[in-house]
């Protein structure tokens, strides 16, 4: 019983640390937002981390839409040279 509680606490701490690092590495958040969201992560273990991670991932620009095709030009783009 005691070991399972320790494992659970350890797992929650790892998740909270990972999401906290994820939040502080974001360039699009102001310091106030980073601190506030990190507080939510630590006040609501696991649930807060999950909510903040999902919310912030949904705010990221979609990389697949920004990539150019292998030819180097976006569709419809013509290089005049």
Protein backbone atom coordinates (compact mmCIF):
# COMPACT_ATOMS: atom_id res chain seq x y z
CA UNK A 1 0.00 0.00 0.00
CA UNK A 2 2.71 2.45 1.00
CA UNK A 3 4.73 1.75 -2.15
CA UNK A 4 1.78 2.41 -4.43
CA UNK A 5 1.18 5.77 -2.76
CA UNK A 6 4.84 6.71 -3.22
CA UNK A 7 4.71 5.65 -6.88
CA UNK A 8 1.57 7.73 -7.41
CA UNK A 9 3.13 10.80 -5.77
CA UNK A 10 6.30 10.33 -7.83
CA UNK A 11 4.30 9.99 -11.07
CA UNK A 12 2.25 13.12 -10.31
CA UNK A 13 5.42 15.06 -9.53
CA UNK A 14 7.02 13.99 -12.82
CA UNK A 15 3.91 15.00 -14.79
CA UNK A 16 3.71 18.36 -13.01
CA UNK A 17 7.42 19.04 -13.58
CA UNK A 18 7.14 18.14 -17.27
CA UNK A 19 4.13 20.42 -17.82
CA UNK A 20 5.78 23.22 -15.81
CA UNK A 21 8.86 23.03 -18.04
CA UNK A 22 6.60 22.93 -21.12
CA UNK A 23 4.84 26.11 -19.97
CA UNK A 24 8.02 28.04 -19.16
CA UNK A 25 9.58 27.15 -22.52
CA UNK A 26 6.66 28.68 -24.46
CA UNK A 27 7.60 31.95 -26.12
CA UNK A 28 4.03 33.09 -26.71
CA UNK A 29 3.11 33.35 -23.02
CA UNK A 30 3.93 36.31 -20.81
CA UNK A 31 5.70 35.66 -17.51
CA UNK A 32 2.46 36.33 -15.59
CA UNK A 33 0.64 33.70 -17.67
CA UNK A 34 3.43 31.17 -17.20
CA UNK A 35 3.44 31.63 -13.43
CA UNK A 36 -0.36 31.55 -13.18
CA UNK A 37 -0.71 28.42 -15.25
CA UNK A 38 2.10 26.71 -13.35
CA UNK A 39 0.32 27.48 -10.08
CA UNK A 40 -2.81 25.81 -11.45
CA UNK A 41 -0.72 22.77 -12.41
CA UNK A 42 0.62 22.40 -8.87
CA UNK A 43 -2.65 23.21 -7.05
CA UNK A 44 -4.60 20.62 -9.05
CA UNK A 45 -2.20 17.69 -9.44
CA UNK A 46 -2.63 15.75 -12.70
CA UNK A 47 -5.96 17.42 -13.59
CA UNK A 48 -4.39 20.89 -13.66
CA UNK A 49 -1.40 19.59 -15.61
CA UNK A 50 -3.64 17.84 -18.11
CA UNK A 51 -5.86 20.91 -18.57
CA UNK A 52 -2.93 23.31 -19.04
CA UNK A 53 -1.10 20.96 -21.41
CA UNK A 54 -4.15 20.34 -23.60
CA UNK A 55 -5.09 24.03 -23.63
CA UNK A 56 -1.61 25.21 -24.58
CA UNK A 57 -1.14 22.48 -27.19
CA UNK A 58 -4.38 23.62 -28.82
CA UNK A 59 -2.98 27.17 -29.02
CA UNK A 60 0.15 26.15 -30.94
CA UNK A 61 0.24 26.88 -34.65
CA UNK A 62 -0.24 23.79 -36.75
CA UNK A 63 3.23 22.97 -38.04
CA UNK A 64 1.92 20.81 -40.87
CA UNK A 65 0.08 23.81 -42.34
CA UNK A 66 3.21 25.97 -42.22
CA UNK A 67 5.58 23.53 -43.95
CA UNK A 68 6.29 23.98 -47.60
CA UNK A 69 6.18 21.04 -50.01
CA UNK A 70 9.43 19.24 -50.77
CA UNK A 71 9.97 21.34 -53.89
CA UNK A 72 10.52 24.41 -51.71
CA UNK A 73 7.58 26.40 -53.04
CA UNK A 74 4.09 26.53 -51.64
CA UNK A 75 1.33 25.40 -54.02
CA UNK A 76 0.49 28.17 -56.44
CA UNK A 77 3.81 29.94 -55.80
CA UNK A 78 5.96 30.58 -58.86
CA UNK A 79 9.60 31.53 -58.61
CA UNK A 80 10.54 34.31 -60.97
CA UNK A 81 14.19 34.22 -61.52
